N, C-alpha and C. Protein backbone atom coordinates (compact mmCIF):
# COMPACT_ATOMS: atom_id res chain seq x y z
N UNK A 1 0.84 -1.18 0.00
CA UNK A 1 0.00 0.00 0.00
C UNK A 1 0.88 1.24 0.00
N UNK A 2 0.43 2.22 -0.74
CA UNK A 2 1.17 3.48 -0.77
C UNK A 2 0.92 4.26 0.51
N UNK A 3 1.91 5.06 0.86
CA UNK A 3 1.74 5.88 2.06
C UNK A 3 1.57 5.01 3.28
N UNK A 4 0.98 5.54 4.25
CA UNK A 4 0.76 4.77 5.46
C UNK A 4 -0.29 5.46 6.32
N UNK A 5 -0.70 4.76 7.31
CA UNK A 5 -1.68 5.32 8.22
C UNK A 5 -1.33 4.91 9.64
N UNK A 6 -1.69 5.75 10.54
CA UNK A 6 -1.47 5.44 11.94
C UNK A 6 -2.73 4.85 12.57
N UNK A 7 -3.79 4.76 11.79
CA UNK A 7 -5.05 4.25 12.32
C UNK A 7 -4.94 2.81 12.80
N UNK A 8 -4.08 2.02 12.17
CA UNK A 8 -3.95 0.62 12.57
C UNK A 8 -2.81 0.41 13.57
N UNK A 9 -2.19 1.48 13.99
CA UNK A 9 -1.08 1.39 14.94
C UNK A 9 -1.61 1.04 16.34
N UNK A 10 -0.83 0.31 17.08
CA UNK A 10 -1.18 -0.03 18.46
C UNK A 10 -1.30 1.26 19.27
N UNK A 11 -2.47 1.54 19.86
CA UNK A 11 -2.66 2.80 20.59
C UNK A 11 -1.69 2.98 21.76
N UNK A 12 -1.30 1.90 22.40
CA UNK A 12 -0.36 2.01 23.51
C UNK A 12 1.03 2.42 23.02
N UNK A 13 1.41 1.91 21.87
CA UNK A 13 2.70 2.28 21.29
C UNK A 13 2.67 3.76 20.88
N UNK A 14 1.56 4.19 20.29
CA UNK A 14 1.43 5.60 19.90
C UNK A 14 1.45 6.51 21.12
N UNK A 15 0.75 6.11 22.18
CA UNK A 15 0.74 6.93 23.39
C UNK A 15 2.16 7.09 23.93
N UNK A 16 2.87 5.99 24.01
CA UNK A 16 4.23 6.02 24.53
C UNK A 16 5.12 6.92 23.66
N UNK A 17 5.00 6.78 22.35
CA UNK A 17 5.81 7.58 21.44
C UNK A 17 5.49 9.07 21.59
N UNK A 18 4.22 9.39 21.69
CA UNK A 18 3.81 10.80 21.82
C UNK A 18 4.27 11.38 23.15
N UNK A 19 4.14 10.60 24.21
CA UNK A 19 4.58 11.07 25.52
C UNK A 19 6.09 11.27 25.53
N UNK A 20 6.83 10.34 24.93
CA UNK A 20 8.28 10.48 24.86
C UNK A 20 8.67 11.72 24.05
N UNK A 21 7.98 11.94 22.94
CA UNK A 21 8.31 13.11 22.13
C UNK A 21 8.06 14.40 22.91
N UNK A 22 6.93 14.49 23.57
CA UNK A 22 6.61 15.68 24.35
C UNK A 22 7.61 15.87 25.49
N UNK A 23 7.92 14.79 26.18
CA UNK A 23 8.89 14.87 27.28
C UNK A 23 10.28 15.23 26.79
N UNK A 24 10.67 14.66 25.67
CA UNK A 24 11.99 14.94 25.10
C UNK A 24 12.11 16.41 24.72
N UNK A 25 11.08 16.95 24.07
CA UNK A 25 11.11 18.36 23.68
C UNK A 25 11.15 19.27 24.91
N UNK A 26 10.39 18.92 25.92
CA UNK A 26 10.36 19.71 27.15
C UNK A 26 11.71 19.64 27.86
N UNK A 27 12.25 18.45 28.00
CA UNK A 27 13.53 18.28 28.69
C UNK A 27 14.68 18.93 27.91
N UNK A 28 14.60 18.88 26.60
CA UNK A 28 15.68 19.40 25.78
C UNK A 28 15.80 20.91 25.77
N UNK A 29 14.77 21.60 26.22
CA UNK A 29 14.80 23.06 26.20
C UNK A 29 14.17 23.61 27.47
N UNK A 30 14.29 22.87 28.55
CA UNK A 30 13.58 23.17 29.79
C UNK A 30 13.75 24.56 30.33
N UNK A 31 14.97 25.07 30.38
CA UNK A 31 15.20 26.38 30.98
C UNK A 31 14.50 27.47 30.17
N UNK A 32 14.52 27.36 28.86
CA UNK A 32 13.84 28.35 28.02
C UNK A 32 12.32 28.19 28.09
N UNK A 33 11.87 26.96 28.19
CA UNK A 33 10.43 26.72 28.30
C UNK A 33 9.92 27.28 29.63
N UNK A 34 10.66 27.07 30.70
CA UNK A 34 10.22 27.59 32.00
C UNK A 34 10.23 29.12 32.00
N UNK A 35 11.20 29.70 31.34
CA UNK A 35 11.26 31.17 31.24
C UNK A 35 10.05 31.69 30.46
N UNK A 36 9.73 31.03 29.35
CA UNK A 36 8.57 31.42 28.56
C UNK A 36 7.28 31.24 29.37
N UNK A 37 7.14 30.10 30.02
CA UNK A 37 5.92 29.82 30.78
C UNK A 37 5.73 30.81 31.92
N UNK A 38 6.84 31.25 32.53
CA UNK A 38 6.75 32.17 33.67
C UNK A 38 6.20 33.54 33.27
N UNK A 39 6.03 33.78 31.99
CA UNK A 39 5.33 35.00 31.57
C UNK A 39 3.90 34.98 32.11
N UNK A 40 3.39 33.80 32.39
CA UNK A 40 2.03 33.67 32.90
C UNK A 40 1.91 33.93 34.39
N UNK A 41 3.04 34.16 35.06
CA UNK A 41 3.01 34.46 36.49
C UNK A 41 2.43 35.84 36.76
N UNK A 42 2.13 36.14 38.02
CA UNK A 42 1.49 37.41 38.37
C UNK A 42 2.27 38.65 37.94
N UNK A 43 3.58 38.56 37.91
CA UNK A 43 4.42 39.70 37.53
C UNK A 43 5.00 39.54 36.12
N UNK A 44 4.48 38.59 35.37
CA UNK A 44 5.03 38.31 34.05
C UNK A 44 4.33 39.07 32.94
N UNK A 45 4.81 38.83 31.73
CA UNK A 45 4.25 39.40 30.50
C UNK A 45 4.36 40.92 30.45
N UNK A 46 5.37 41.47 31.12
CA UNK A 46 5.57 42.91 31.06
C UNK A 46 6.61 43.23 29.99
N UNK A 47 6.45 44.38 29.39
CA UNK A 47 7.38 44.82 28.36
C UNK A 47 7.36 46.34 28.34
N UNK A 48 8.45 46.92 28.75
CA UNK A 48 8.50 48.38 28.79
C UNK A 48 8.99 48.98 27.47
N UNK A 49 9.43 48.13 26.53
CA UNK A 49 9.99 48.63 25.28
C UNK A 49 8.94 49.13 24.30
N UNK A 50 7.98 48.28 24.00
CA UNK A 50 6.93 48.69 23.07
C UNK A 50 5.71 47.81 23.27
N UNK A 51 4.60 48.28 22.78
CA UNK A 51 3.37 47.52 22.96
C UNK A 51 3.01 46.80 21.68
N UNK A 52 2.24 45.74 21.85
CA UNK A 52 1.81 44.92 20.72
C UNK A 52 0.30 44.82 20.75
N UNK A 53 -0.29 44.68 19.58
CA UNK A 53 -1.73 44.51 19.49
C UNK A 53 -2.20 43.23 20.15
N UNK A 54 -1.34 42.23 20.16
CA UNK A 54 -1.66 40.95 20.81
C UNK A 54 -0.66 40.76 21.95
N UNK A 55 -0.94 41.33 23.12
CA UNK A 55 0.05 41.31 24.20
C UNK A 55 0.47 39.91 24.65
N UNK A 56 -0.40 38.93 24.49
CA UNK A 56 -0.03 37.58 24.91
C UNK A 56 0.96 36.94 23.94
N UNK A 57 1.13 37.54 22.78
CA UNK A 57 2.09 37.02 21.80
C UNK A 57 3.34 37.90 21.72
N UNK A 58 3.52 38.78 22.67
CA UNK A 58 4.65 39.71 22.69
C UNK A 58 5.97 38.94 22.81
N UNK A 59 6.82 39.02 21.79
CA UNK A 59 8.09 38.28 21.85
C UNK A 59 9.08 38.85 22.85
N UNK A 60 8.82 40.05 23.34
CA UNK A 60 9.73 40.69 24.28
C UNK A 60 9.21 40.67 25.72
N UNK A 61 8.11 40.00 25.95
CA UNK A 61 7.53 39.96 27.30
C UNK A 61 8.50 39.31 28.28
N UNK A 62 8.52 39.84 29.47
CA UNK A 62 9.40 39.32 30.51
C UNK A 62 8.69 38.27 31.35
N UNK A 63 9.45 37.31 31.86
CA UNK A 63 8.86 36.33 32.77
C UNK A 63 8.72 36.92 34.17
N UNK A 64 7.96 36.26 34.98
CA UNK A 64 7.89 36.58 36.41
C UNK A 64 9.07 35.86 37.05
N UNK A 65 10.12 36.59 37.35
CA UNK A 65 11.34 35.96 37.86
C UNK A 65 11.17 35.36 39.26
N UNK A 66 10.16 35.81 39.99
CA UNK A 66 9.92 35.24 41.32
C UNK A 66 9.35 33.83 41.22
N UNK A 67 8.52 33.60 40.23
CA UNK A 67 7.85 32.31 40.10
C UNK A 67 8.64 31.35 39.19
N UNK A 68 9.55 31.88 38.37
CA UNK A 68 10.23 31.06 37.37
C UNK A 68 10.94 29.82 37.93
N UNK A 69 11.67 29.90 39.05
CA UNK A 69 12.31 28.68 39.55
C UNK A 69 11.30 27.60 39.94
N UNK A 70 10.14 28.02 40.40
CA UNK A 70 9.12 27.06 40.80
C UNK A 70 8.39 26.50 39.57
N UNK A 71 8.28 27.32 38.53
CA UNK A 71 7.74 26.83 37.25
C UNK A 71 8.69 25.78 36.68
N UNK A 72 9.98 26.06 36.76
CA UNK A 72 10.97 25.11 36.27
C UNK A 72 10.86 23.79 37.03
N UNK A 73 10.74 23.87 38.35
CA UNK A 73 10.61 22.65 39.16
C UNK A 73 9.34 21.88 38.78
N UNK A 74 8.25 22.60 38.58
CA UNK A 74 6.98 21.95 38.21
C UNK A 74 7.09 21.29 36.84
N UNK A 75 7.72 21.98 35.90
CA UNK A 75 7.87 21.41 34.55
C UNK A 75 8.76 20.17 34.56
N UNK A 76 9.72 20.13 35.45
CA UNK A 76 10.56 18.93 35.57
C UNK A 76 9.71 17.73 36.01
N UNK A 77 8.80 17.97 36.93
CA UNK A 77 7.93 16.89 37.40
C UNK A 77 6.95 16.49 36.30
N UNK A 78 6.41 17.46 35.59
CA UNK A 78 5.52 17.16 34.47
C UNK A 78 6.28 16.31 33.44
N UNK A 79 7.51 16.66 33.19
CA UNK A 79 8.33 15.90 32.25
C UNK A 79 8.56 14.47 32.75
N UNK A 80 8.86 14.33 34.03
CA UNK A 80 9.04 12.99 34.60
C UNK A 80 7.77 12.16 34.44
N UNK A 81 6.62 12.78 34.69
CA UNK A 81 5.35 12.05 34.55
C UNK A 81 5.10 11.66 33.10
N UNK A 82 5.41 12.55 32.18
CA UNK A 82 5.26 12.23 30.75
C UNK A 82 6.11 11.03 30.36
N UNK A 83 7.32 10.99 30.87
CA UNK A 83 8.26 9.94 30.48
C UNK A 83 8.08 8.64 31.27
N UNK A 84 7.28 8.68 32.31
CA UNK A 84 7.06 7.50 33.15
C UNK A 84 5.91 6.69 32.56
N UNK A 85 6.23 5.83 31.61
CA UNK A 85 5.19 5.06 30.93
C UNK A 85 4.97 3.69 31.56
N UNK A 86 5.64 3.41 32.65
CA UNK A 86 5.51 2.09 33.29
C UNK A 86 4.77 2.13 34.61
N UNK A 87 4.07 3.21 34.89
CA UNK A 87 3.47 3.35 36.22
C UNK A 87 1.98 3.01 36.26
N UNK A 88 1.43 2.50 35.17
CA UNK A 88 0.01 2.14 35.12
C UNK A 88 -0.90 3.30 35.51
N UNK A 89 -0.53 4.49 35.08
CA UNK A 89 -1.31 5.70 35.33
C UNK A 89 -1.50 6.00 36.82
N UNK A 90 -0.55 5.61 37.63
CA UNK A 90 -0.58 5.94 39.06
C UNK A 90 0.37 7.12 39.27
N UNK A 91 -0.21 8.28 39.41
CA UNK A 91 0.59 9.50 39.48
C UNK A 91 0.70 10.05 40.89
N UNK A 92 0.38 9.25 41.90
CA UNK A 92 0.41 9.75 43.27
C UNK A 92 1.81 10.21 43.68
N UNK A 93 2.83 9.45 43.30
CA UNK A 93 4.20 9.85 43.65
C UNK A 93 4.60 11.13 42.91
N UNK A 94 4.24 11.21 41.64
CA UNK A 94 4.55 12.43 40.89
C UNK A 94 3.79 13.63 41.47
N UNK A 95 2.55 13.39 41.87
CA UNK A 95 1.76 14.48 42.46
C UNK A 95 2.40 14.95 43.76
N UNK A 96 2.83 14.02 44.59
CA UNK A 96 3.48 14.39 45.85
C UNK A 96 4.77 15.16 45.58
N UNK A 97 5.54 14.73 44.59
CA UNK A 97 6.78 15.43 44.23
C UNK A 97 6.47 16.84 43.73
N UNK A 98 5.44 16.95 42.91
CA UNK A 98 5.05 18.26 42.38
C UNK A 98 4.61 19.19 43.51
N UNK A 99 3.78 18.69 44.38
CA UNK A 99 3.28 19.53 45.47
C UNK A 99 4.41 19.95 46.41
N UNK A 100 5.39 19.08 46.61
CA UNK A 100 6.53 19.43 47.46
C UNK A 100 7.46 20.44 46.79
N UNK A 101 7.45 20.46 45.46
CA UNK A 101 8.37 21.33 44.71
C UNK A 101 7.91 22.79 44.65
N UNK A 102 6.63 23.02 44.91
CA UNK A 102 6.09 24.38 44.76
C UNK A 102 5.55 24.86 46.10
N UNK A 103 6.21 25.86 46.69
CA UNK A 103 5.71 26.41 47.96
C UNK A 103 4.30 26.99 47.79
N UNK A 104 3.54 26.93 48.86
CA UNK A 104 2.14 27.37 48.81
C UNK A 104 1.96 28.77 48.22
N UNK A 105 2.85 29.69 48.57
CA UNK A 105 2.68 31.07 48.11
C UNK A 105 2.91 31.24 46.60
N UNK A 106 3.44 30.20 45.95
CA UNK A 106 3.68 30.28 44.50
C UNK A 106 2.75 29.40 43.68
N UNK A 107 1.85 28.70 44.33
CA UNK A 107 0.99 27.75 43.61
C UNK A 107 0.19 28.44 42.51
N UNK A 108 -0.47 29.53 42.83
CA UNK A 108 -1.30 30.19 41.81
C UNK A 108 -0.46 30.72 40.66
N UNK A 109 0.71 31.25 40.95
CA UNK A 109 1.59 31.74 39.89
C UNK A 109 2.09 30.62 39.00
N UNK A 110 2.39 29.47 39.60
CA UNK A 110 2.84 28.32 38.81
C UNK A 110 1.68 27.78 37.99
N UNK A 111 0.50 27.71 38.59
CA UNK A 111 -0.67 27.24 37.84
C UNK A 111 -0.93 28.14 36.63
N UNK A 112 -0.90 29.44 36.83
CA UNK A 112 -1.16 30.34 35.70
C UNK A 112 -0.05 30.25 34.66
N UNK A 113 1.16 29.97 35.09
CA UNK A 113 2.27 29.80 34.15
C UNK A 113 2.12 28.53 33.33
N UNK A 114 1.71 27.45 33.98
CA UNK A 114 1.47 26.20 33.25
C UNK A 114 0.33 26.37 32.26
N UNK A 115 -0.70 27.10 32.66
CA UNK A 115 -1.82 27.37 31.75
C UNK A 115 -1.37 28.24 30.58
N UNK A 116 -0.52 29.22 30.86
CA UNK A 116 0.02 30.09 29.81
C UNK A 116 0.75 29.24 28.77
N UNK A 117 1.58 28.33 29.24
CA UNK A 117 2.31 27.45 28.32
C UNK A 117 1.35 26.54 27.57
N UNK A 118 0.43 25.93 28.30
CA UNK A 118 -0.54 25.01 27.68
C UNK A 118 -1.27 25.69 26.52
N UNK A 119 -1.65 26.93 26.73
CA UNK A 119 -2.43 27.64 25.72
C UNK A 119 -1.60 28.11 24.53
N UNK A 120 -0.29 27.94 24.62
CA UNK A 120 0.58 28.42 23.55
C UNK A 120 1.42 27.33 22.89
N UNK A 121 1.14 26.09 23.19
CA UNK A 121 1.84 24.99 22.51
C UNK A 121 1.34 24.97 21.08
N UNK A 122 2.24 25.18 20.15
CA UNK A 122 1.87 25.27 18.74
C UNK A 122 2.07 23.97 17.99
N UNK A 123 1.13 23.69 17.10
CA UNK A 123 1.20 22.53 16.21
C UNK A 123 1.24 23.08 14.79
N UNK A 124 2.16 22.72 13.97
CA UNK A 124 3.27 21.79 14.16
C UNK A 124 4.56 22.45 14.62
N UNK A 125 4.54 23.75 14.91
CA UNK A 125 5.77 24.45 15.28
C UNK A 125 6.50 23.78 16.44
N UNK A 126 5.78 23.48 17.51
CA UNK A 126 6.41 22.93 18.71
C UNK A 126 6.41 21.41 18.74
N UNK A 127 5.28 20.83 18.41
CA UNK A 127 5.11 19.38 18.47
C UNK A 127 4.06 18.94 17.46
N UNK A 128 4.12 17.68 17.04
CA UNK A 128 3.01 17.15 16.24
C UNK A 128 1.73 17.13 17.09
N UNK A 129 0.61 17.06 16.44
CA UNK A 129 -0.68 17.17 17.11
C UNK A 129 -0.84 16.23 18.30
N UNK A 130 -0.61 14.96 18.11
CA UNK A 130 -0.84 14.00 19.20
C UNK A 130 0.09 14.25 20.38
N UNK A 131 1.35 14.54 20.12
CA UNK A 131 2.30 14.81 21.20
C UNK A 131 1.93 16.10 21.92
N UNK A 132 1.47 17.10 21.18
CA UNK A 132 1.05 18.36 21.80
C UNK A 132 -0.15 18.13 22.71
N UNK A 133 -1.04 17.25 22.30
CA UNK A 133 -2.20 16.94 23.15
C UNK A 133 -1.76 16.31 24.47
N UNK A 134 -0.78 15.42 24.40
CA UNK A 134 -0.28 14.82 25.64
C UNK A 134 0.39 15.87 26.51
N UNK A 135 1.18 16.74 25.92
CA UNK A 135 1.82 17.78 26.72
C UNK A 135 0.77 18.65 27.39
N UNK A 136 -0.23 19.06 26.64
CA UNK A 136 -1.30 19.88 27.23
C UNK A 136 -2.02 19.12 28.35
N UNK A 137 -2.27 17.85 28.12
CA UNK A 137 -2.96 17.04 29.14
C UNK A 137 -2.13 16.96 30.42
N UNK A 138 -0.84 16.78 30.28
CA UNK A 138 0.01 16.68 31.46
C UNK A 138 0.20 18.04 32.13
N UNK A 139 0.18 19.10 31.37
CA UNK A 139 0.19 20.43 31.99
C UNK A 139 -1.10 20.63 32.78
N UNK A 140 -2.22 20.19 32.23
CA UNK A 140 -3.49 20.25 32.97
C UNK A 140 -3.42 19.40 34.24
N UNK A 141 -2.81 18.23 34.13
CA UNK A 141 -2.63 17.39 35.32
C UNK A 141 -1.84 18.15 36.38
N UNK A 142 -0.77 18.83 35.98
CA UNK A 142 0.03 19.59 36.92
C UNK A 142 -0.76 20.72 37.57
N UNK A 143 -1.55 21.41 36.77
CA UNK A 143 -2.40 22.49 37.30
C UNK A 143 -3.37 21.92 38.34
N UNK A 144 -4.01 20.82 37.99
CA UNK A 144 -4.98 20.20 38.91
C UNK A 144 -4.29 19.67 40.17
N UNK A 145 -3.14 19.04 39.99
CA UNK A 145 -2.42 18.47 41.14
C UNK A 145 -2.01 19.57 42.12
N UNK A 146 -1.59 20.70 41.60
CA UNK A 146 -1.24 21.82 42.48
C UNK A 146 -2.49 22.39 43.14
N UNK A 147 -3.60 22.39 42.43
CA UNK A 147 -4.86 22.86 43.01
C UNK A 147 -5.30 21.99 44.17
N UNK A 148 -5.03 20.69 44.08
CA UNK A 148 -5.36 19.78 45.17
C UNK A 148 -4.55 20.10 46.42
N UNK A 149 -3.39 20.71 46.22
CA UNK A 149 -2.50 21.05 47.34
C UNK A 149 -3.03 22.25 48.12
N UNK A 150 -3.86 23.08 47.48
CA UNK A 150 -4.37 24.29 48.12
C UNK A 150 -5.52 24.00 49.06
N UNK A 151 -6.14 22.84 48.92
CA UNK A 151 -7.33 22.53 49.72
C UNK A 151 -7.00 22.26 51.16
């Protein structure tokens, strides 16, 4: 047959491949990704140089430097969870690690930073569609896991 299709591919193999791709991309550029994501923090997305019609797409926006180290720590845990394909979807240990990595006073800033990143993952610029969906899903998991810590 000419060409190919992924429709007949084993879904578990595809999931693993997509999670690995998303984790690999995140791990390979983590410091820059955390800096970009930290624009979503309470003091982020500022730019004193010039204004843009689409401020959320401002290439010169500054990160929230107070929240950035905690965003980096959270993204490391998200990456670990993405790459952990042998845990039978038991994320309790990852959740505990994530909650321990982010002090209470930074939870909301980290959550908004993860959401900022989630909303800006581009297809195909950043990742193929399926891998981007997994990254977004795991960012949502991180947001929710941190929210559970506030209760």
